Amino acid sequence: MLSGKLLVAVGVLIAALATFTSAIADTAMPGIERDVTLREKAETWSPTVCLQDLVEDGWIQGRCAVDRGLCCKWTLGTERARTFTRAELQRELARTSFSGFDLKLKGAERVAVTQTRRELTTAELQAKIIAAAAARFGDDGRGAGVASLKAQAPIYVSLADESAWDVIVPEPLLEHASIKVVSTAEGGQALGWVQATLRLDADVYVARKTVHPGDLLKPEDFEVRKANVLAAQASGQTAFRKEQFPEAVRAKTTILAGQPLTPATIERIPMVRLGDTVTLILRSDSLKISTKGVVQGAAAIGDMVTVQLQRYNRTFRGRLIEGRLVEVWL
């Protein structure tokens, strides 16, 4: 066990060490001076001016690439050109810690900074993409739109000609697209990439009520609504557009109320079935012969079907054109 006097001595020593440590922490250690050469002229791609734009120093370039907030201390304001004095730059640097280094500006007394490029806005990119998509979709292009848009990195255009850029949309143009942004003044040079989710709103048939398998499709059971047909195409479906309502078809699967009408949900109604007797019409440029035959499978209007002649052991393959008429061109 420690005696009372020893405990007091240990306590005094600990307090003294704490006071000494605190005094050291409160005393600012002098930084290592580092000379940095200031340029006479500098260019920037944004109104924000960063230290790496103003000086010629590889260490600064690397340090600022890691921490832009540490280096981007100035702005051009509403102008696209401004001259900074070395003194005002130095005052700002004096308030910034660069990992124990005190930066001392040398070289030019003044640096003239000019903004030569600017960043494209989301609205500009969206408008250009919609125009390109509308042109690609042709008559349906009026319904083209952009649901979401994200550039992989900021995209800049030259202030010398701010309209000298365009977008290249892929082929085929699907709901989710990677779109290339290029310069039209620099030989098609790529400026960046944009990930876009596109829309194509068109008038399509949508079920008013649930239609069950085997039900005959009737126009009054459907209504025309605006729908994003690109979303349907992404899942391998194509909705029937306005004025394209299919005739003589029935539901193949359940069509829920509010669901678009697609080819995958319907099937044509067979007009003839295996074993039915039909009239076979054999045609050529100068010949027309009619005879009876037996169909070898179910078929709807417009389908190709095989017919076996009743009197001869021979078959012909033709198209069911109406009722029980099958036409064969020789």
Protein backbone atom coordinates (compact mmCIF):
# COMPACT_ATOMS: atom_id res chain seq x y z
CA MET A 1 0.00 0.00 0.00
CA LEU A 2 1.25 3.54 -0.77
CA SER A 3 1.71 5.92 2.16
CA GLY A 4 -0.31 9.13 2.33
CA LYS A 5 2.71 11.35 1.58
CA LEU A 6 3.62 9.25 -1.48
CA LEU A 7 0.09 9.49 -2.83
CA VAL A 8 0.19 13.28 -2.50
CA ALA A 9 3.53 13.42 -4.32
CA VAL A 10 2.22 11.29 -7.20
CA GLY A 11 -0.83 13.55 -7.50
CA VAL A 12 1.30 16.68 -7.67
CA LEU A 13 3.47 15.10 -10.40
CA ILE A 14 0.45 14.16 -12.51
CA ALA A 15 -0.97 17.68 -12.21
CA ALA A 16 2.35 19.19 -13.24
CA LEU A 17 2.56 16.95 -16.32
CA ALA A 18 -0.97 17.89 -17.32
CA THR A 19 -0.18 21.59 -17.02
CA PHE A 20 2.99 21.19 -19.10
CA THR A 21 1.15 19.25 -21.82
CA SER A 22 -1.60 21.86 -21.98
CA ALA A 23 0.94 24.63 -22.29
CA ILE A 24 2.61 22.88 -25.22
CA ALA A 25 -0.76 22.37 -26.96
CA ASP A 26 -1.66 26.03 -26.54
CA THR A 27 1.63 27.18 -28.01
CA ALA A 28 1.42 27.43 -31.81
CA MET A 29 4.29 25.60 -33.40
CA PRO A 30 5.83 27.50 -36.31
CA GLY A 31 5.07 25.93 -39.71
CA ILE A 32 7.63 25.04 -42.34
CA GLU A 33 7.83 27.78 -44.93
CA ARG A 34 7.30 26.72 -48.55
CA ASP A 35 7.75 29.09 -51.47
CA VAL A 36 5.09 28.86 -54.18
CA THR A 37 5.40 30.63 -57.54
CA LEU A 38 2.39 32.70 -58.61
CA ARG A 39 1.48 32.83 -62.30
CA GLU A 40 0.78 36.05 -64.18
CA LYS A 41 -2.26 34.56 -65.95
CA ALA A 42 -4.60 31.69 -65.12
CA GLU A 43 -7.69 30.06 -66.58
CA THR A 44 -10.57 28.37 -64.79
CA TRP A 45 -13.61 26.37 -65.88
CA SER A 46 -15.91 27.75 -63.20
CA PRO A 47 -16.48 30.98 -61.22
CA THR A 48 -14.70 29.33 -58.30
CA VAL A 49 -10.94 29.97 -58.25
CA CYS A 50 -8.64 27.42 -56.63
CA LEU A 51 -5.00 27.68 -55.56
CA GLN A 52 -3.91 25.04 -58.08
CA ASP A 53 -5.19 27.34 -60.86
CA LEU A 54 -2.93 30.17 -59.70
CA VAL A 55 0.45 28.58 -58.97
CA GLU A 56 3.03 26.36 -60.60
CA ASP A 57 3.68 23.70 -57.98
CA GLY A 58 3.24 19.94 -58.32
CA TRP A 59 2.84 19.43 -54.58
CA ILE A 60 0.00 21.96 -54.47
CA GLN A 61 -1.66 20.32 -57.47
CA GLY A 62 -1.69 16.95 -55.73
CA ARG A 63 -2.76 18.33 -52.36
CA CYS A 64 -5.64 20.33 -53.82
CA ALA A 65 -6.83 17.42 -55.96
CA VAL A 66 -7.47 15.55 -52.71
CA ASP A 67 -9.11 18.43 -50.82
CA ARG A 68 -10.73 21.09 -53.02
CA GLY A 69 -12.36 22.72 -50.02
CA LEU A 70 -8.91 23.52 -48.66
CA CYS A 71 -7.77 25.22 -51.87
CA CYS A 72 -10.84 26.77 -53.51
CA LYS A 73 -11.06 30.02 -51.53
CA TRP A 74 -11.80 32.67 -54.16
CA THR A 75 -14.45 33.50 -56.74
CA LEU A 76 -14.83 35.55 -59.90
CA GLY A 77 -18.24 36.73 -58.77
CA THR A 78 -20.60 37.70 -61.57
CA GLU A 79 -17.72 38.51 -63.91
CA ARG A 80 -15.77 36.01 -65.99
CA ALA A 81 -12.45 37.75 -65.42
CA ARG A 82 -10.73 39.17 -62.34
CA THR A 83 -7.25 40.19 -61.24
CA PHE A 84 -6.03 39.10 -57.81
CA THR A 85 -3.09 40.71 -56.02
CA ARG A 86 -0.47 38.59 -54.37
CA ALA A 87 -1.18 40.35 -51.06
CA GLU A 88 -4.87 39.44 -50.95
CA LEU A 89 -4.10 35.85 -51.90
CA GLN A 90 -1.44 35.67 -49.19
CA ARG A 91 -3.86 36.96 -46.54
CA GLU A 92 -6.26 34.12 -47.27
CA LEU A 93 -3.48 31.51 -47.27
CA ALA A 94 -2.30 32.75 -43.86
CA ARG A 95 -5.61 31.51 -42.42
CA THR A 96 -5.26 28.06 -43.98
CA SER A 97 -3.22 25.14 -42.67
CA PHE A 98 -1.47 23.01 -45.29
CA SER A 99 -0.33 20.06 -43.16
CA GLY A 100 2.17 22.13 -41.18
CA PHE A 101 3.42 24.21 -44.14
CA ASP A 102 3.24 28.00 -44.34
CA LEU A 103 2.86 28.88 -48.03
CA LYS A 104 4.72 32.00 -49.19
CA LEU A 105 3.69 33.36 -52.58
CA LYS A 106 6.51 34.46 -54.87
CA GLY A 107 6.61 35.46 -58.51
CA ALA A 108 4.01 37.76 -60.06
CA GLU A 109 2.56 40.65 -58.07
CA ARG A 110 -0.81 40.11 -59.75
CA VAL A 111 -2.53 37.21 -61.50
CA ALA A 112 -5.25 37.74 -64.12
CA VAL A 113 -7.84 34.95 -63.96
CA THR A 114 -10.24 34.27 -66.84
CA GLN A 115 -13.09 31.77 -66.97
CA THR A 116 -12.85 29.94 -70.32
CA ARG A 117 -15.48 27.22 -69.86
CA ARG A 118 -18.68 26.69 -67.94
CA GLU A 119 -20.59 23.69 -66.68
CA LEU A 120 -23.67 22.56 -68.58
CA THR A 121 -26.82 22.67 -66.47
CA THR A 122 -29.21 19.76 -66.01
CA ALA A 123 -31.91 21.75 -67.81
CA GLU A 124 -29.67 22.25 -70.87
CA LEU A 125 -28.76 18.58 -71.03
CA GLN A 126 -32.37 17.52 -70.59
CA ALA A 127 -33.64 19.81 -73.37
CA LYS A 128 -31.01 18.56 -75.81
CA ILE A 129 -31.69 14.90 -74.97
CA ILE A 130 -35.45 15.33 -75.38
CA ALA A 131 -34.95 16.92 -78.80
CA ALA A 132 -32.66 14.09 -79.92
CA ALA A 133 -35.04 11.43 -78.60
CA ALA A 134 -38.04 13.08 -80.26
CA ALA A 135 -36.23 13.05 -83.61
CA ARG A 136 -35.38 9.37 -83.15
CA PHE A 137 -38.97 8.39 -82.27
CA GLY A 138 -40.43 10.14 -85.32
CA ASP A 139 -44.21 10.66 -85.19
CA ASP A 140 -44.30 9.55 -81.54
CA GLY A 141 -41.59 12.04 -80.58
CA ARG A 142 -44.04 14.57 -79.13
CA GLY A 143 -44.32 12.34 -76.08
CA ALA A 144 -40.57 12.10 -75.45
CA GLY A 145 -39.30 13.13 -72.03
CA VAL A 146 -36.64 12.55 -69.39
CA ALA A 147 -37.62 10.97 -66.07
CA SER A 148 -34.17 11.26 -64.47
CA LEU A 149 -30.73 12.47 -65.48
CA LYS A 150 -27.27 12.14 -63.97
CA ALA A 151 -23.91 13.16 -65.43
CA GLN A 152 -20.97 10.91 -64.54
CA ALA A 153 -18.92 14.07 -63.93
CA PRO A 154 -19.40 17.81 -64.54
CA ILE A 155 -19.54 18.57 -68.29
CA TYR A 156 -17.97 21.82 -69.49
CA VAL A 157 -18.35 23.75 -72.75
CA SER A 158 -16.21 26.55 -74.15
CA LEU A 159 -17.42 30.08 -73.50
CA ALA A 160 -16.13 31.02 -76.95
CA ASP A 161 -19.14 29.18 -78.43
CA GLU A 162 -21.54 27.93 -75.77
CA SER A 163 -23.84 26.28 -78.33
CA ALA A 164 -21.09 24.14 -79.89
CA TRP A 165 -22.14 20.87 -78.29
CA ASP A 166 -24.61 18.07 -78.93
CA VAL A 167 -25.69 14.68 -77.65
CA ILE A 168 -25.47 11.27 -79.31
CA VAL A 169 -28.27 8.90 -78.32
CA PRO A 170 -27.72 5.12 -78.71
CA GLU A 171 -29.46 2.78 -81.12
CA PRO A 172 -31.84 1.28 -80.17
CA LEU A 173 -33.00 3.98 -77.77
CA LEU A 174 -34.36 2.28 -74.66
CA GLU A 175 -35.74 3.45 -71.33
CA HIS A 176 -32.32 3.49 -69.65
CA ALA A 177 -29.66 5.00 -71.91
CA SER A 178 -26.02 6.09 -71.74
CA ILE A 179 -25.82 9.31 -73.76
CA LYS A 180 -22.59 10.82 -75.05
CA VAL A 181 -22.07 14.59 -74.96
CA VAL A 182 -19.72 15.86 -77.67
CA SER A 183 -18.24 19.13 -78.89
CA THR A 184 -19.32 20.17 -82.37
CA ALA A 185 -16.46 22.67 -82.61
CA GLU A 186 -13.66 20.28 -81.70
CA GLY A 187 -14.13 17.43 -84.14
CA GLY A 188 -16.72 15.56 -82.11
CA GLN A 189 -14.50 15.38 -79.04
CA ALA A 190 -16.27 13.69 -76.11
CA LEU A 191 -17.12 16.11 -73.31
CA GLY A 192 -18.74 13.58 -71.00
CA TRP A 193 -21.44 10.96 -70.47
CA VAL A 194 -24.94 11.17 -69.05
CA GLN A 195 -27.08 8.36 -67.64
CA ALA A 196 -30.72 9.07 -68.47
CA THR A 197 -34.05 7.39 -67.83
CA LEU A 198 -36.28 8.28 -70.77
CA ARG A 199 -40.03 8.42 -71.23
CA LEU A 200 -42.17 8.09 -74.31
CA ASP A 201 -45.77 8.88 -73.47
CA ALA A 202 -48.26 7.63 -76.06
CA ASP A 203 -52.00 6.91 -76.24
CA VAL A 204 -52.48 3.20 -75.55
CA TYR A 205 -55.39 0.91 -74.73
CA VAL A 206 -55.80 0.18 -71.01
CA ALA A 207 -58.34 -2.22 -69.48
CA ARG A 208 -61.33 -0.58 -67.77
CA LYS A 209 -62.02 -3.79 -65.85
CA THR A 210 -60.45 -7.20 -65.37
CA VAL A 211 -60.63 -9.34 -68.52
CA HIS A 212 -60.36 -13.09 -67.97
CA PRO A 213 -58.71 -15.73 -70.18
CA GLY A 214 -60.99 -16.74 -73.03
CA ASP A 215 -63.03 -13.50 -72.94
CA LEU A 216 -63.64 -11.89 -76.31
CA LEU A 217 -61.95 -8.48 -76.41
CA LYS A 218 -64.42 -5.64 -76.90
CA PRO A 219 -63.46 -1.97 -77.40
CA GLU A 220 -65.88 -0.85 -74.67
CA ASP A 221 -63.86 -2.84 -72.11
CA PHE A 222 -60.83 -0.62 -72.76
CA GLU A 223 -60.02 3.09 -72.74
CA VAL A 224 -57.23 5.20 -74.21
CA ARG A 225 -54.71 6.61 -71.71
CA LYS A 226 -51.28 8.16 -71.78
CA ALA A 227 -48.62 5.63 -70.78
CA ASN A 228 -44.84 5.35 -70.87
CA VAL A 229 -44.38 2.81 -73.65
CA LEU A 230 -40.61 2.66 -73.12
CA ALA A 231 -41.18 1.13 -69.70
CA ALA A 232 -43.31 -1.58 -71.30
CA GLN A 233 -40.71 -2.21 -74.01
CA ALA A 234 -38.04 -2.65 -71.32
CA SER A 235 -39.96 -5.74 -70.14
CA GLY A 236 -40.34 -7.04 -73.70
CA GLN A 237 -43.88 -5.77 -74.24
CA THR A 238 -45.41 -3.44 -76.82
CA ALA A 239 -48.74 -1.84 -75.96
CA PHE A 240 -51.42 -1.43 -78.60
CA ARG A 241 -51.61 2.24 -79.59
CA LYS A 242 -54.70 4.31 -80.21
CA GLU A 243 -56.62 3.24 -83.35
CA GLN A 244 -54.81 -0.13 -83.34
CA PHE A 245 -57.35 -2.13 -81.36
CA PRO A 246 -56.99 -5.81 -82.33
CA GLU A 247 -60.02 -7.50 -83.87
CA ALA A 248 -61.28 -11.06 -83.50
CA VAL A 249 -59.06 -11.83 -80.51
CA ARG A 250 -59.61 -13.11 -76.99
CA ALA A 251 -57.70 -12.81 -73.74
CA LYS A 252 -54.90 -15.33 -73.41
CA THR A 253 -54.07 -14.32 -69.84
CA THR A 254 -55.81 -12.23 -67.20
CA ILE A 255 -55.72 -8.51 -68.04
CA LEU A 256 -56.14 -6.50 -64.86
CA ALA A 257 -57.97 -3.18 -64.73
CA GLY A 258 -55.49 -0.40 -65.56
CA GLN A 259 -53.11 -2.78 -67.36
CA PRO A 260 -52.05 -1.91 -70.94
CA LEU A 261 -53.19 -4.22 -73.72
CA THR A 262 -50.19 -6.03 -75.22
CA PRO A 263 -49.77 -8.84 -77.76
CA ALA A 264 -48.58 -11.16 -74.98
CA THR A 265 -51.98 -10.99 -73.27
CA ILE A 266 -54.14 -11.93 -76.27
CA GLU A 267 -54.59 -14.64 -78.87
CA ARG A 268 -56.55 -14.74 -82.07
CA ILE A 269 -59.78 -16.73 -82.14
CA PRO A 270 -59.45 -19.83 -84.34
CA MET A 271 -61.94 -19.82 -87.21
CA VAL A 272 -61.19 -23.43 -88.17
CA ARG A 273 -59.96 -26.39 -86.18
CA LEU A 274 -58.30 -29.71 -86.91
CA GLY A 275 -60.55 -31.80 -89.17
CA ASP A 276 -62.75 -28.96 -90.40
CA THR A 277 -63.65 -28.95 -94.09
CA VAL A 278 -62.64 -25.82 -95.99
CA THR A 279 -62.68 -24.56 -99.55
CA LEU A 280 -59.18 -24.52 -101.01
CA ILE A 281 -58.59 -21.91 -103.72
CA LEU A 282 -55.58 -22.61 -105.93
CA ARG A 283 -54.41 -19.51 -107.80
CA SER A 284 -51.83 -18.54 -110.37
CA ASP A 285 -51.59 -15.64 -112.79
CA SER A 286 -53.93 -17.37 -115.24
CA LEU A 287 -55.59 -20.10 -113.16
CA LYS A 288 -58.14 -20.39 -110.38
CA ILE A 289 -59.34 -23.76 -109.09
CA SER A 290 -61.57 -24.41 -106.10
CA THR A 291 -61.79 -27.73 -104.28
CA LYS A 292 -62.54 -29.12 -100.86
CA GLY A 293 -59.98 -30.10 -98.27
CA VAL A 294 -59.48 -30.83 -94.57
CA VAL A 295 -57.39 -28.52 -92.37
CA GLN A 296 -54.60 -30.12 -90.36
CA GLY A 297 -54.71 -27.70 -87.41
CA ALA A 298 -56.45 -24.73 -85.82
CA ALA A 299 -56.05 -21.34 -87.53
CA ALA A 300 -57.33 -17.79 -87.20
CA ILE A 301 -57.94 -15.33 -90.03
CA GLY A 302 -54.60 -14.50 -91.62
CA ASP A 303 -52.83 -17.61 -90.35
CA MET A 304 -51.03 -20.10 -92.57
CA VAL A 305 -52.61 -23.54 -92.43
CA THR A 306 -52.05 -26.93 -94.08
CA VAL A 307 -54.96 -28.42 -96.05
CA GLN A 308 -55.21 -32.03 -97.26
CA LEU A 309 -57.25 -32.69 -100.39
CA GLN A 310 -60.06 -35.16 -99.86
CA ARG A 311 -59.70 -36.96 -103.20
CA TYR A 312 -55.91 -36.96 -103.47
CA ASN A 313 -53.14 -37.84 -101.05
CA ARG A 314 -51.67 -34.36 -101.31
CA THR A 315 -51.43 -31.30 -99.06
CA PHE A 316 -51.21 -27.59 -99.73
CA ARG A 317 -50.23 -24.80 -97.38
CA GLY A 318 -52.12 -21.54 -97.70
CA ARG A 319 -53.54 -18.59 -95.82
CA LEU A 320 -56.97 -18.56 -94.20
CA ILE A 321 -58.44 -15.42 -95.75
CA GLU A 322 -62.00 -15.53 -94.39
CA GLY A 323 -64.52 -17.93 -92.93
CA ARG A 324 -63.51 -21.31 -94.34
CA LEU A 325 -61.58 -20.14 -97.41
CA VAL A 326 -57.90 -21.02 -97.73
CA GLU A 327 -55.95 -19.40 -100.56
CA VAL A 328 -52.83 -20.92 -102.12
CA TRP A 329 -50.73 -19.16 -104.76
CA LEU A 330 -48.98 -21.57 -107.09
